[in-house]
Amino acid sequence: MAKIEIYTWSTCPYCTRAKALLDSKGVTYTTYDITGDDAARAKMIERTGGPKSVPQIFVGDKHYGGCDELHALDAQGKLDDVLNG
């Protein structure tokens, strides 16, 4: 299984929704709560190549975007393959 990472803020409803989808898939992931942490946010932006909003989701070394992109992959039937690498 690929390494899954998600950058979040503690009060972000989209972050909660994205994590709920990952939880429903039964996968293990690493959460980086960057609430109020400018250095961690800068690292996230560097990794994403520009997007500053949260959540930002990585599977392996690939950036998949945020909550909407994650749910779109699921609706297309592609998320399980992505998560299982």
N, C-alpha and C. Protein backbone atom coordinates (compact mmCIF):
# COMPACT_ATOMS: atom_id res chain seq x y z
N MET A 1 0.83 -1.17 0.00
CA MET A 1 0.00 0.00 0.00
C MET A 1 0.88 1.25 0.00
N ALA A 2 0.46 2.23 -0.77
CA ALA A 2 1.21 3.48 -0.88
C ALA A 2 1.08 4.31 0.40
N LYS A 3 2.08 5.14 0.66
CA LYS A 3 2.03 6.06 1.80
C LYS A 3 1.04 7.18 1.46
N ILE A 4 0.11 7.42 2.37
CA ILE A 4 -0.91 8.44 2.18
C ILE A 4 -0.70 9.53 3.22
N GLU A 5 -0.65 10.80 2.75
CA GLU A 5 -0.45 11.93 3.64
C GLU A 5 -1.52 12.98 3.35
N ILE A 6 -2.00 13.63 4.40
CA ILE A 6 -2.99 14.68 4.24
C ILE A 6 -2.65 15.84 5.15
N TYR A 7 -2.60 17.03 4.56
CA TYR A 7 -2.38 18.27 5.30
C TYR A 7 -3.74 18.85 5.65
N THR A 8 -3.93 19.23 6.92
CA THR A 8 -5.23 19.70 7.38
C THR A 8 -5.10 20.90 8.31
N TRP A 9 -6.25 21.52 8.58
CA TRP A 9 -6.43 22.48 9.67
C TRP A 9 -7.43 21.86 10.62
N SER A 10 -7.34 22.17 11.88
CA SER A 10 -8.19 21.52 12.88
C SER A 10 -9.67 21.84 12.73
N THR A 11 -10.02 22.98 12.17
CA THR A 11 -11.44 23.36 12.07
C THR A 11 -11.98 23.30 10.64
N CYS A 12 -11.30 22.63 9.76
CA CYS A 12 -11.66 22.60 8.34
C CYS A 12 -12.67 21.48 8.05
N PRO A 13 -13.89 21.83 7.62
CA PRO A 13 -14.88 20.79 7.32
C PRO A 13 -14.50 19.93 6.11
N TYR A 14 -13.79 20.51 5.16
CA TYR A 14 -13.36 19.73 3.99
C TYR A 14 -12.30 18.70 4.39
N CYS A 15 -11.47 19.06 5.35
CA CYS A 15 -10.47 18.12 5.87
C CYS A 15 -11.17 16.95 6.55
N THR A 16 -12.18 17.26 7.34
CA THR A 16 -12.94 16.22 8.03
C THR A 16 -13.60 15.30 7.01
N ARG A 17 -14.16 15.87 5.97
CA ARG A 17 -14.83 15.08 4.92
C ARG A 17 -13.84 14.19 4.17
N ALA A 18 -12.67 14.72 3.84
CA ALA A 18 -11.65 13.93 3.15
C ALA A 18 -11.16 12.79 4.02
N LYS A 19 -10.91 13.07 5.31
CA LYS A 19 -10.45 12.01 6.22
C LYS A 19 -11.53 10.96 6.42
N ALA A 20 -12.80 11.37 6.44
CA ALA A 20 -13.89 10.40 6.57
C ALA A 20 -13.92 9.44 5.38
N LEU A 21 -13.66 9.97 4.19
CA LEU A 21 -13.61 9.10 3.01
C LEU A 21 -12.45 8.13 3.11
N LEU A 22 -11.29 8.64 3.51
CA LEU A 22 -10.14 7.74 3.67
C LEU A 22 -10.42 6.69 4.74
N ASP A 23 -11.05 7.11 5.84
CA ASP A 23 -11.41 6.15 6.91
C ASP A 23 -12.35 5.08 6.38
N SER A 24 -13.31 5.48 5.54
CA SER A 24 -14.28 4.52 5.00
C SER A 24 -13.61 3.48 4.10
N LYS A 25 -12.44 3.85 3.57
CA LYS A 25 -11.68 2.92 2.71
C LYS A 25 -10.79 2.00 3.54
N GLY A 26 -10.69 2.29 4.84
CA GLY A 26 -9.90 1.44 5.73
C GLY A 26 -8.40 1.57 5.54
N VAL A 27 -7.96 2.70 5.03
CA VAL A 27 -6.52 2.89 4.81
C VAL A 27 -5.90 3.65 5.97
N THR A 28 -4.61 3.48 6.12
CA THR A 28 -3.85 4.21 7.12
C THR A 28 -3.22 5.41 6.44
N TYR A 29 -3.27 6.54 7.10
CA TYR A 29 -2.69 7.75 6.53
C TYR A 29 -2.06 8.59 7.62
N THR A 30 -1.17 9.46 7.21
CA THR A 30 -0.52 10.39 8.12
C THR A 30 -1.17 11.75 7.96
N THR A 31 -1.56 12.35 9.08
CA THR A 31 -2.17 13.68 9.07
C THR A 31 -1.16 14.69 9.58
N TYR A 32 -1.03 15.78 8.84
CA TYR A 32 -0.21 16.91 9.27
C TYR A 32 -1.17 18.06 9.55
N ASP A 33 -1.42 18.33 10.82
CA ASP A 33 -2.27 19.46 11.20
C ASP A 33 -1.39 20.70 11.19
N ILE A 34 -1.62 21.57 10.21
CA ILE A 34 -0.76 22.74 10.05
C ILE A 34 -1.42 24.01 10.58
N THR A 35 -2.44 23.86 11.41
CA THR A 35 -3.13 25.00 11.99
C THR A 35 -2.13 25.92 12.69
N GLY A 36 -2.02 27.16 12.22
CA GLY A 36 -1.14 28.14 12.86
C GLY A 36 0.34 27.91 12.70
N ASP A 37 0.74 26.96 11.88
CA ASP A 37 2.16 26.63 11.70
C ASP A 37 2.61 27.10 10.32
N ASP A 38 3.15 28.30 10.26
CA ASP A 38 3.54 28.88 8.97
C ASP A 38 4.62 28.08 8.26
N ALA A 39 5.56 27.52 9.01
CA ALA A 39 6.63 26.73 8.40
C ALA A 39 6.07 25.46 7.76
N ALA A 40 5.14 24.79 8.44
CA ALA A 40 4.53 23.58 7.90
C ALA A 40 3.67 23.91 6.68
N ARG A 41 2.98 25.05 6.73
CA ARG A 41 2.17 25.46 5.58
C ARG A 41 3.07 25.75 4.38
N ALA A 42 4.21 26.39 4.61
CA ALA A 42 5.15 26.67 3.53
C ALA A 42 5.66 25.37 2.91
N LYS A 43 5.92 24.38 3.74
CA LYS A 43 6.37 23.08 3.23
C LYS A 43 5.27 22.44 2.38
N MET A 44 4.01 22.52 2.83
CA MET A 44 2.89 21.98 2.06
C MET A 44 2.80 22.67 0.71
N ILE A 45 2.89 24.00 0.70
CA ILE A 45 2.78 24.75 -0.55
C ILE A 45 3.92 24.39 -1.49
N GLU A 46 5.11 24.19 -0.94
CA GLU A 46 6.24 23.76 -1.77
C GLU A 46 5.95 22.40 -2.39
N ARG A 47 5.40 21.49 -1.61
CA ARG A 47 5.10 20.15 -2.12
C ARG A 47 3.99 20.16 -3.16
N THR A 48 2.98 21.03 -2.97
CA THR A 48 1.85 21.06 -3.90
C THR A 48 2.18 21.80 -5.18
N GLY A 49 3.21 22.63 -5.14
CA GLY A 49 3.54 23.42 -6.31
C GLY A 49 2.67 24.66 -6.44
N GLY A 50 2.00 25.05 -5.37
CA GLY A 50 1.22 26.27 -5.41
C GLY A 50 -0.05 26.29 -4.59
N PRO A 51 -0.90 25.25 -4.66
CA PRO A 51 -2.15 25.29 -3.88
C PRO A 51 -1.89 25.52 -2.39
N LYS A 52 -2.69 26.44 -1.82
CA LYS A 52 -2.50 26.84 -0.43
C LYS A 52 -3.64 26.39 0.48
N SER A 53 -4.72 25.92 -0.12
CA SER A 53 -5.88 25.52 0.68
C SER A 53 -5.68 24.13 1.27
N VAL A 54 -6.47 23.81 2.25
CA VAL A 54 -6.45 22.47 2.83
C VAL A 54 -7.82 21.84 2.64
N PRO A 55 -7.89 20.53 2.60
CA PRO A 55 -6.78 19.59 2.71
C PRO A 55 -5.98 19.51 1.41
N GLN A 56 -4.78 19.00 1.53
CA GLN A 56 -3.96 18.63 0.38
C GLN A 56 -3.53 17.20 0.62
N ILE A 57 -3.74 16.36 -0.39
CA ILE A 57 -3.58 14.92 -0.22
C ILE A 57 -2.50 14.40 -1.17
N PHE A 58 -1.61 13.60 -0.61
CA PHE A 58 -0.55 12.96 -1.37
C PHE A 58 -0.66 11.45 -1.19
N VAL A 59 -0.48 10.73 -2.28
CA VAL A 59 -0.39 9.28 -2.23
C VAL A 59 0.93 8.93 -2.89
N GLY A 60 1.80 8.31 -2.10
CA GLY A 60 3.17 8.13 -2.56
C GLY A 60 3.77 9.52 -2.72
N ASP A 61 4.40 9.77 -3.84
CA ASP A 61 4.98 11.09 -4.10
C ASP A 61 4.07 11.97 -4.95
N LYS A 62 2.88 11.46 -5.29
CA LYS A 62 1.99 12.18 -6.18
C LYS A 62 0.97 13.01 -5.40
N HIS A 63 0.79 14.24 -5.83
CA HIS A 63 -0.19 15.15 -5.24
C HIS A 63 -1.53 14.94 -5.95
N TYR A 64 -2.58 14.66 -5.17
CA TYR A 64 -3.90 14.43 -5.75
C TYR A 64 -4.87 15.58 -5.54
N GLY A 65 -4.46 16.63 -4.85
CA GLY A 65 -5.35 17.77 -4.65
C GLY A 65 -6.04 17.71 -3.31
N GLY A 66 -7.27 18.22 -3.30
CA GLY A 66 -8.01 18.35 -2.05
C GLY A 66 -9.20 17.42 -1.95
N CYS A 67 -10.14 17.82 -1.14
CA CYS A 67 -11.31 17.01 -0.84
C CYS A 67 -12.13 16.71 -2.10
N ASP A 68 -12.40 17.73 -2.90
CA ASP A 68 -13.22 17.53 -4.11
C ASP A 68 -12.56 16.55 -5.07
N GLU A 69 -11.25 16.67 -5.23
CA GLU A 69 -10.54 15.76 -6.14
C GLU A 69 -10.57 14.33 -5.62
N LEU A 70 -10.45 14.18 -4.31
CA LEU A 70 -10.50 12.84 -3.71
C LEU A 70 -11.87 12.20 -3.93
N HIS A 71 -12.93 12.98 -3.70
CA HIS A 71 -14.28 12.45 -3.90
C HIS A 71 -14.57 12.20 -5.38
N ALA A 72 -14.01 13.01 -6.27
CA ALA A 72 -14.18 12.79 -7.71
C ALA A 72 -13.54 11.47 -8.12
N LEU A 73 -12.35 11.18 -7.61
CA LEU A 73 -11.71 9.90 -7.90
C LEU A 73 -12.57 8.74 -7.43
N ASP A 74 -13.18 8.90 -6.26
CA ASP A 74 -14.04 7.85 -5.73
C ASP A 74 -15.27 7.67 -6.61
N ALA A 75 -15.88 8.76 -7.05
CA ALA A 75 -17.07 8.70 -7.90
C ALA A 75 -16.76 8.05 -9.25
N GLN A 76 -15.52 8.21 -9.71
CA GLN A 76 -15.09 7.60 -10.98
C GLN A 76 -14.66 6.15 -10.80
N GLY A 77 -14.66 5.66 -9.56
CA GLY A 77 -14.24 4.29 -9.31
C GLY A 77 -12.74 4.09 -9.34
N LYS A 78 -11.97 5.18 -9.24
CA LYS A 78 -10.52 5.10 -9.35
C LYS A 78 -9.78 5.21 -8.03
N LEU A 79 -10.47 5.64 -6.97
CA LEU A 79 -9.78 5.91 -5.71
C LEU A 79 -9.16 4.68 -5.09
N ASP A 80 -9.85 3.56 -5.11
CA ASP A 80 -9.31 2.34 -4.49
C ASP A 80 -7.97 1.95 -5.13
N ASP A 81 -7.90 2.05 -6.45
CA ASP A 81 -6.64 1.71 -7.14
C ASP A 81 -5.52 2.68 -6.75
N VAL A 82 -5.86 3.98 -6.64
CA VAL A 82 -4.87 4.98 -6.25
C VAL A 82 -4.36 4.68 -4.84
N LEU A 83 -5.26 4.42 -3.92
CA LEU A 83 -4.89 4.21 -2.52
C LEU A 83 -4.11 2.93 -2.32
N ASN A 84 -4.38 1.93 -3.12
CA ASN A 84 -3.69 0.65 -2.97
C ASN A 84 -2.41 0.56 -3.78
N GLY A 85 -2.11 1.67 -4.48
CA GLY A 85 -0.84 1.81 -5.20
C GLY A 85 -0.53 0.68 -6.10
